[in-house]
N, C-alpha and C. Protein backbone atom coordinates (compact mmCIF):
# COMPACT_ATOMS: atom_id res chain seq x y z
N MET A 1 118.35 55.79 -176.00
CA MET A 1 118.76 54.96 -174.53
C MET A 1 117.93 54.51 -173.67
N LYS A 2 117.83 53.49 -172.97
CA LYS A 2 116.80 52.97 -172.15
C LYS A 2 117.27 53.47 -170.99
N PHE A 3 116.12 53.89 -170.08
CA PHE A 3 116.03 54.37 -168.44
C PHE A 3 115.30 53.81 -167.71
N ILE A 4 115.61 53.49 -166.22
CA ILE A 4 114.80 52.94 -165.60
C ILE A 4 114.01 53.72 -164.46
N LEU A 5 112.76 54.48 -164.26
CA LEU A 5 112.81 55.32 -163.16
C LEU A 5 112.10 54.36 -162.24
N LEU A 6 112.53 54.71 -161.20
CA LEU A 6 112.48 54.04 -160.13
C LEU A 6 112.30 54.64 -158.98
N VAL A 7 110.47 54.44 -158.83
CA VAL A 7 109.60 55.73 -157.39
C VAL A 7 109.38 54.86 -156.27
N TYR A 8 110.14 55.23 -155.82
CA TYR A 8 109.81 55.54 -154.11
C TYR A 8 108.92 56.50 -153.59
N ASN A 9 108.28 55.59 -152.48
CA ASN A 9 107.27 56.33 -151.69
C ASN A 9 106.74 55.54 -150.27
N ASP A 10 106.39 56.54 -149.33
CA ASP A 10 105.70 55.23 -148.00
C ASP A 10 104.79 54.73 -148.18
N GLU A 11 104.72 53.68 -148.58
CA GLU A 11 103.52 53.15 -149.20
C GLU A 11 102.21 52.81 -147.96
N SER A 12 102.53 53.04 -146.58
CA SER A 12 101.56 53.53 -145.71
C SER A 12 100.85 54.59 -146.16
N ALA A 13 101.42 55.92 -146.52
CA ALA A 13 100.83 57.03 -146.82
C ALA A 13 99.94 56.86 -147.33
N GLY A 14 99.42 56.27 -148.66
CA GLY A 14 98.42 56.83 -149.15
C GLY A 14 97.94 57.68 -150.08
N PRO A 15 97.13 57.83 -150.66
CA PRO A 15 95.80 57.42 -150.21
C PRO A 15 95.94 55.71 -151.52
N HIS A 16 94.99 55.15 -150.29
CA HIS A 16 95.16 54.02 -151.10
C HIS A 16 93.50 53.32 -151.71
N PRO A 17 93.63 52.64 -152.73
CA PRO A 17 92.38 52.01 -153.41
C PRO A 17 91.33 52.17 -152.48
N GLY A 18 90.25 53.04 -152.53
CA GLY A 18 88.85 53.31 -151.97
C GLY A 18 89.05 54.31 -151.28
N GLU A 19 90.07 55.04 -151.30
CA GLU A 19 90.04 56.15 -150.28
C GLU A 19 90.20 57.47 -151.39
N PRO A 20 89.66 58.77 -150.70
CA PRO A 20 89.46 59.54 -151.02
C PRO A 20 91.30 59.97 -151.43
N GLY A 21 90.88 60.81 -152.96
CA GLY A 21 91.97 60.93 -153.67
C GLY A 21 92.88 59.97 -154.49
N PHE A 22 92.42 58.85 -154.31
CA PHE A 22 93.14 57.72 -154.76
C PHE A 22 93.16 57.77 -156.21
N GLN A 23 91.58 57.98 -156.85
CA GLN A 23 91.31 57.74 -157.93
C GLN A 23 91.52 59.32 -158.71
N GLU A 24 91.89 60.07 -158.15
CA GLU A 24 92.66 61.39 -158.97
C GLU A 24 94.56 60.67 -158.64
N LEU A 25 94.80 60.26 -158.10
CA LEU A 25 96.11 60.24 -157.91
C LEU A 25 96.06 59.26 -159.47
N TRP A 26 95.53 58.24 -159.06
CA TRP A 26 95.58 56.82 -160.28
C TRP A 26 95.43 57.73 -161.98
N ASP A 27 94.46 58.63 -162.11
CA ASP A 27 93.99 59.36 -163.36
C ASP A 27 95.59 60.29 -163.40
N ALA A 28 96.10 60.78 -162.73
CA ALA A 28 97.71 61.56 -162.63
C ALA A 28 98.49 60.59 -163.35
N TYR A 29 98.84 59.06 -163.03
CA TYR A 29 99.78 58.39 -163.70
C TYR A 29 99.16 57.33 -165.01
N VAL A 30 97.80 57.26 -165.09
CA VAL A 30 97.48 57.07 -166.68
C VAL A 30 97.22 58.29 -167.75
N ALA A 31 97.17 59.54 -167.17
CA ALA A 31 97.94 60.27 -167.55
C ALA A 31 99.14 60.62 -168.21
N LEU A 32 100.16 60.70 -166.83
CA LEU A 32 101.44 60.45 -167.14
C LEU A 32 101.98 59.20 -168.08
N ASP A 33 101.50 58.21 -168.14
CA ASP A 33 101.74 56.84 -168.86
C ASP A 33 101.36 57.60 -170.38
N ASN A 34 99.88 58.05 -170.77
CA ASN A 34 99.49 58.70 -172.00
C ASN A 34 100.40 59.47 -172.87
N GLU A 35 100.91 60.50 -172.08
CA GLU A 35 101.94 61.32 -172.66
C GLU A 35 102.94 60.92 -172.48
N ALA A 36 103.51 60.22 -172.00
CA ALA A 36 104.91 59.17 -172.41
C ALA A 36 104.56 58.18 -173.80
N ARG A 37 103.53 57.61 -173.91
CA ARG A 37 103.28 57.27 -175.04
C ARG A 37 103.23 57.73 -176.05
N ALA A 38 102.46 58.90 -176.29
CA ALA A 38 102.32 59.70 -177.74
C ALA A 38 103.92 60.29 -177.56
N ALA A 39 104.71 60.15 -176.58
CA ALA A 39 105.47 60.64 -177.40
C ALA A 39 107.02 59.82 -177.66
N GLY A 40 106.36 58.69 -177.54
CA GLY A 40 107.05 57.30 -178.15
C GLY A 40 108.28 57.01 -177.16
N ALA A 41 108.24 57.52 -175.83
CA ALA A 41 109.50 56.97 -174.72
C ALA A 41 108.28 55.93 -173.14
N LEU A 42 107.48 55.79 -173.51
CA LEU A 42 107.17 54.75 -172.81
C LEU A 42 107.43 53.23 -173.34
N ILE A 43 108.13 52.55 -172.76
CA ILE A 43 108.13 51.42 -172.91
C ILE A 43 107.76 49.89 -172.17
N ASP A 44 107.51 51.05 -171.11
CA ASP A 44 106.49 49.80 -169.70
C ASP A 44 106.57 50.89 -168.56
N SER A 45 105.41 50.56 -167.96
CA SER A 45 105.22 51.01 -166.12
C SER A 45 104.73 50.47 -165.33
N GLN A 46 104.69 49.97 -164.46
CA GLN A 46 103.92 49.35 -163.54
C GLN A 46 103.91 49.89 -161.99
N PRO A 47 103.19 49.62 -161.06
CA PRO A 47 103.09 49.71 -159.90
C PRO A 47 103.14 48.37 -159.07
N PHE A 48 103.79 48.28 -158.00
CA PHE A 48 104.37 46.96 -157.41
C PHE A 48 103.10 46.78 -156.43
N ALA A 49 102.56 45.09 -156.21
CA ALA A 49 101.62 45.10 -154.76
C ALA A 49 102.51 45.32 -153.74
N PRO A 50 102.06 45.41 -152.77
CA PRO A 50 102.73 46.01 -151.21
C PRO A 50 103.82 45.15 -150.79
N THR A 51 104.95 45.98 -149.96
CA THR A 51 106.02 45.04 -149.81
C THR A 51 105.64 43.90 -148.87
N THR A 52 104.56 43.82 -147.74
CA THR A 52 104.45 42.75 -147.14
C THR A 52 104.26 41.28 -148.41
N GLU A 53 103.60 41.52 -149.62
CA GLU A 53 103.69 40.59 -150.29
C GLU A 53 105.10 40.33 -150.95
N ALA A 54 106.22 40.87 -150.45
CA ALA A 54 107.77 40.74 -151.33
C ALA A 54 108.20 39.45 -150.41
N VAL A 55 108.95 38.79 -151.32
CA VAL A 55 110.15 37.37 -151.03
C VAL A 55 111.26 38.05 -151.21
N THR A 56 112.21 37.60 -150.16
CA THR A 56 113.60 37.86 -150.86
C THR A 56 114.21 37.11 -150.84
N LEU A 57 115.08 36.29 -152.09
CA LEU A 57 115.87 34.79 -151.63
C LEU A 57 117.61 35.34 -152.04
N THR A 58 118.18 34.40 -151.55
CA THR A 58 119.51 34.70 -151.21
C THR A 58 119.58 32.94 -151.66
N ILE A 59 120.99 33.04 -152.67
CA ILE A 59 121.49 31.59 -152.47
C ILE A 59 123.15 31.79 -151.66
N ARG A 60 123.10 31.22 -150.63
CA ARG A 60 124.91 30.97 -149.84
C ARG A 60 125.57 29.77 -150.14
N ASN A 61 126.16 29.12 -150.50
CA ASN A 61 127.17 28.19 -150.26
C ASN A 61 125.79 26.95 -150.82
N GLY A 62 124.94 26.89 -152.08
CA GLY A 62 124.37 26.60 -152.23
C GLY A 62 122.80 26.48 -151.40
N GLN A 63 122.89 27.00 -151.04
CA GLN A 63 121.63 26.39 -149.96
C GLN A 63 120.34 28.03 -150.24
N THR A 64 119.27 27.77 -150.87
CA THR A 64 118.70 28.99 -151.25
C THR A 64 117.32 29.30 -150.00
N SER A 65 117.55 30.57 -149.52
CA SER A 65 116.95 30.99 -148.60
C SER A 65 116.29 32.14 -148.85
N THR A 66 114.46 32.12 -148.30
CA THR A 66 113.33 32.90 -148.63
C THR A 66 113.01 33.57 -147.21
N THR A 67 113.46 35.26 -147.50
CA THR A 67 112.90 35.93 -146.20
C THR A 67 111.31 36.72 -146.46
N PRO A 68 110.42 36.95 -145.53
CA PRO A 68 109.36 37.73 -146.36
C PRO A 68 110.05 39.29 -145.94
N GLY A 69 109.46 39.96 -146.87
CA GLY A 69 109.88 41.51 -146.83
C GLY A 69 110.73 41.84 -148.37
N PRO A 70 110.67 43.08 -148.35
CA PRO A 70 111.60 43.82 -149.44
C PRO A 70 113.13 43.51 -149.73
N ALA A 71 114.26 43.31 -149.90
CA ALA A 71 115.72 43.37 -149.63
C ALA A 71 116.14 44.48 -149.23
N VAL A 72 115.70 45.31 -149.03
CA VAL A 72 116.52 46.89 -148.77
C VAL A 72 115.19 46.97 -147.64
N ARG A 73 115.11 47.65 -146.60
CA ARG A 73 114.78 47.97 -146.15
C ARG A 73 114.62 49.39 -145.42
N SER A 74 113.20 50.46 -145.68
CA SER A 74 114.05 51.66 -145.51
C SER A 74 111.99 52.19 -145.59
N ASP A 75 112.63 53.88 -144.83
CA ASP A 75 111.15 54.31 -144.68
C ASP A 75 110.38 54.54 -145.77
N ALA A 76 110.94 54.35 -147.16
CA ALA A 76 110.20 54.68 -148.65
C ALA A 76 110.58 53.25 -149.35
N GLN A 77 109.64 52.96 -149.95
CA GLN A 77 109.46 51.06 -150.54
C GLN A 77 109.57 51.55 -151.84
N LEU A 78 109.73 50.83 -152.77
CA LEU A 78 110.26 50.84 -154.05
C LEU A 78 108.62 50.59 -154.52
N THR A 79 108.46 51.03 -155.29
CA THR A 79 105.87 51.07 -155.28
C THR A 79 106.08 51.04 -157.04
N GLY A 80 106.85 50.96 -158.12
CA GLY A 80 106.82 50.96 -159.39
C GLY A 80 107.70 51.65 -160.08
N TYR A 81 107.58 51.55 -161.19
CA TYR A 81 108.86 52.20 -162.28
C TYR A 81 108.40 52.06 -163.43
N TYR A 82 109.18 53.06 -164.13
CA TYR A 82 108.69 53.29 -165.43
C TYR A 82 109.80 53.08 -166.26
N LEU A 83 109.31 52.59 -167.57
CA LEU A 83 110.92 51.52 -168.51
C LEU A 83 110.56 52.66 -169.83
N LEU A 84 111.83 53.68 -170.06
CA LEU A 84 111.68 54.23 -170.96
C LEU A 84 112.72 54.58 -172.37
N GLN A 85 112.23 55.23 -173.06
CA GLN A 85 113.43 55.06 -174.36
C GLN A 85 113.20 56.59 -174.55
N CYS A 86 114.43 57.29 -174.32
CA CYS A 86 115.52 58.26 -173.58
C CYS A 86 116.24 58.97 -174.48
N LYS A 87 116.34 60.10 -175.36
CA LYS A 87 118.07 60.39 -175.74
C LYS A 87 118.73 60.68 -174.99
N ASP A 88 119.11 61.12 -173.87
CA ASP A 88 119.76 61.45 -172.80
C ASP A 88 119.48 61.66 -171.70
N ASN A 89 120.24 61.58 -170.30
CA ASN A 89 119.70 61.26 -168.91
C ASN A 89 118.68 62.83 -168.37
N ALA A 90 118.76 64.03 -169.31
CA ALA A 90 118.37 64.71 -168.87
C ALA A 90 116.95 64.59 -169.40
N GLU A 91 116.47 64.41 -170.60
CA GLU A 91 114.99 64.15 -170.87
C GLU A 91 114.55 62.73 -170.04
N ALA A 92 114.99 61.92 -169.69
CA ALA A 92 114.82 60.99 -168.49
C ALA A 92 114.45 61.66 -167.47
N ILE A 93 115.29 62.37 -166.81
CA ILE A 93 115.12 63.58 -165.41
C ILE A 93 113.45 64.04 -166.33
N GLY A 94 113.60 64.99 -166.90
CA GLY A 94 112.41 65.43 -167.50
C GLY A 94 110.88 64.76 -167.19
N TRP A 95 110.87 63.21 -167.47
CA TRP A 95 110.18 62.69 -167.46
C TRP A 95 109.97 62.29 -165.68
N ALA A 96 111.04 62.07 -164.99
CA ALA A 96 110.91 61.31 -163.80
C ALA A 96 110.18 62.96 -163.01
N ALA A 97 110.65 63.58 -163.32
CA ALA A 97 109.80 65.01 -163.09
C ALA A 97 108.55 65.46 -162.93
N LYS A 98 108.00 64.44 -163.95
CA LYS A 98 106.01 64.91 -163.91
C LYS A 98 105.55 63.22 -163.32
N ILE A 99 106.38 62.40 -162.71
CA ILE A 99 105.57 61.19 -161.83
C ILE A 99 104.91 61.89 -160.58
N PRO A 100 104.13 62.09 -160.30
CA PRO A 100 103.48 62.10 -158.95
C PRO A 100 104.17 62.00 -157.88
N ALA A 101 104.82 60.58 -157.29
CA ALA A 101 105.19 60.78 -156.37
C ALA A 101 106.40 61.45 -156.10
N ALA A 102 107.32 62.40 -157.36
CA ALA A 102 108.17 62.65 -157.21
C ALA A 102 107.96 63.63 -155.71
N THR A 103 106.69 63.96 -156.00
CA THR A 103 106.23 65.37 -154.68
C THR A 103 106.16 64.81 -153.57
N THR A 104 106.02 63.64 -153.01
CA THR A 104 105.81 62.91 -152.01
C THR A 104 107.05 61.66 -151.40
N GLY A 105 107.51 61.44 -152.33
CA GLY A 105 108.62 60.28 -152.22
C GLY A 105 110.02 60.94 -153.08
N SER A 106 110.37 59.97 -153.99
CA SER A 106 111.62 60.17 -154.37
C SER A 106 111.09 58.90 -155.96
N VAL A 107 112.34 59.67 -157.10
CA VAL A 107 112.49 59.29 -158.30
C VAL A 107 114.07 58.77 -158.57
N GLU A 108 114.34 57.13 -158.52
CA GLU A 108 116.21 57.32 -159.22
C GLU A 108 115.88 56.87 -160.41
N VAL A 109 116.48 57.62 -161.20
CA VAL A 109 117.28 57.43 -162.49
C VAL A 109 118.41 56.39 -163.12
N ARG A 110 117.76 55.49 -163.22
CA ARG A 110 119.00 54.66 -163.99
C ARG A 110 119.30 54.26 -165.86
N ALA A 111 120.02 54.57 -166.28
CA ALA A 111 120.56 54.29 -167.49
C ALA A 111 120.36 52.76 -167.70
N ILE A 112 120.04 52.29 -168.59
CA ILE A 112 120.00 50.35 -168.67
C ILE A 112 121.76 50.25 -169.49
N PHE A 113 122.31 49.54 -168.61
CA PHE A 113 123.26 48.69 -169.28
C PHE A 113 123.59 48.27 -170.73
N GLU A 114 123.65 48.73 -171.69
CA GLU A 114 123.61 47.85 -173.51
C GLU A 114 124.56 47.93 -173.62
N GLY A 115 125.16 46.61 -173.05
CA GLY A 115 126.61 45.60 -173.25
C GLY A 115 126.59 45.55 -174.83
N PRO A 116 127.56 45.41 -175.39
CA PRO A 116 128.08 45.01 -176.93
C PRO A 116 127.55 43.26 -177.57
N ASP A 117 127.34 43.93 -178.35
CA ASP A 117 126.12 42.94 -179.38
C ASP A 117 126.80 41.43 -179.22
N VAL A 118 126.39 40.36 -179.00
CA VAL A 118 127.23 39.19 -178.93
C VAL A 118 126.41 38.01 -180.51
N THR A 119 127.40 37.89 -180.91
CA THR A 119 126.36 37.20 -182.05
C THR A 119 127.42 35.68 -182.47
């Protein structure tokens, strides 16, 4: 089964690139990527650019509208994701618990819907 682990954190809290503690945090994510890759679980993982660079698009009655910022505004921002291949929800939760942001923010674990094969 495929799972997406959505990483939420207060992006203003840091550490940010160039600040003390950033390299250690980055290294922790690289180590997790390497561990998940070696286990055959990692499909992809990426951090997101800051929400200040986000644009939300809607189409209503044929009219396209864009609004600066994320679609959902909250204290925690969607800051990245992991896409994993896991045997079950418990394994995905185990990987989520290893994400550094789980200690300061939250990680949402969602199974990817895999519909019927269409030929």
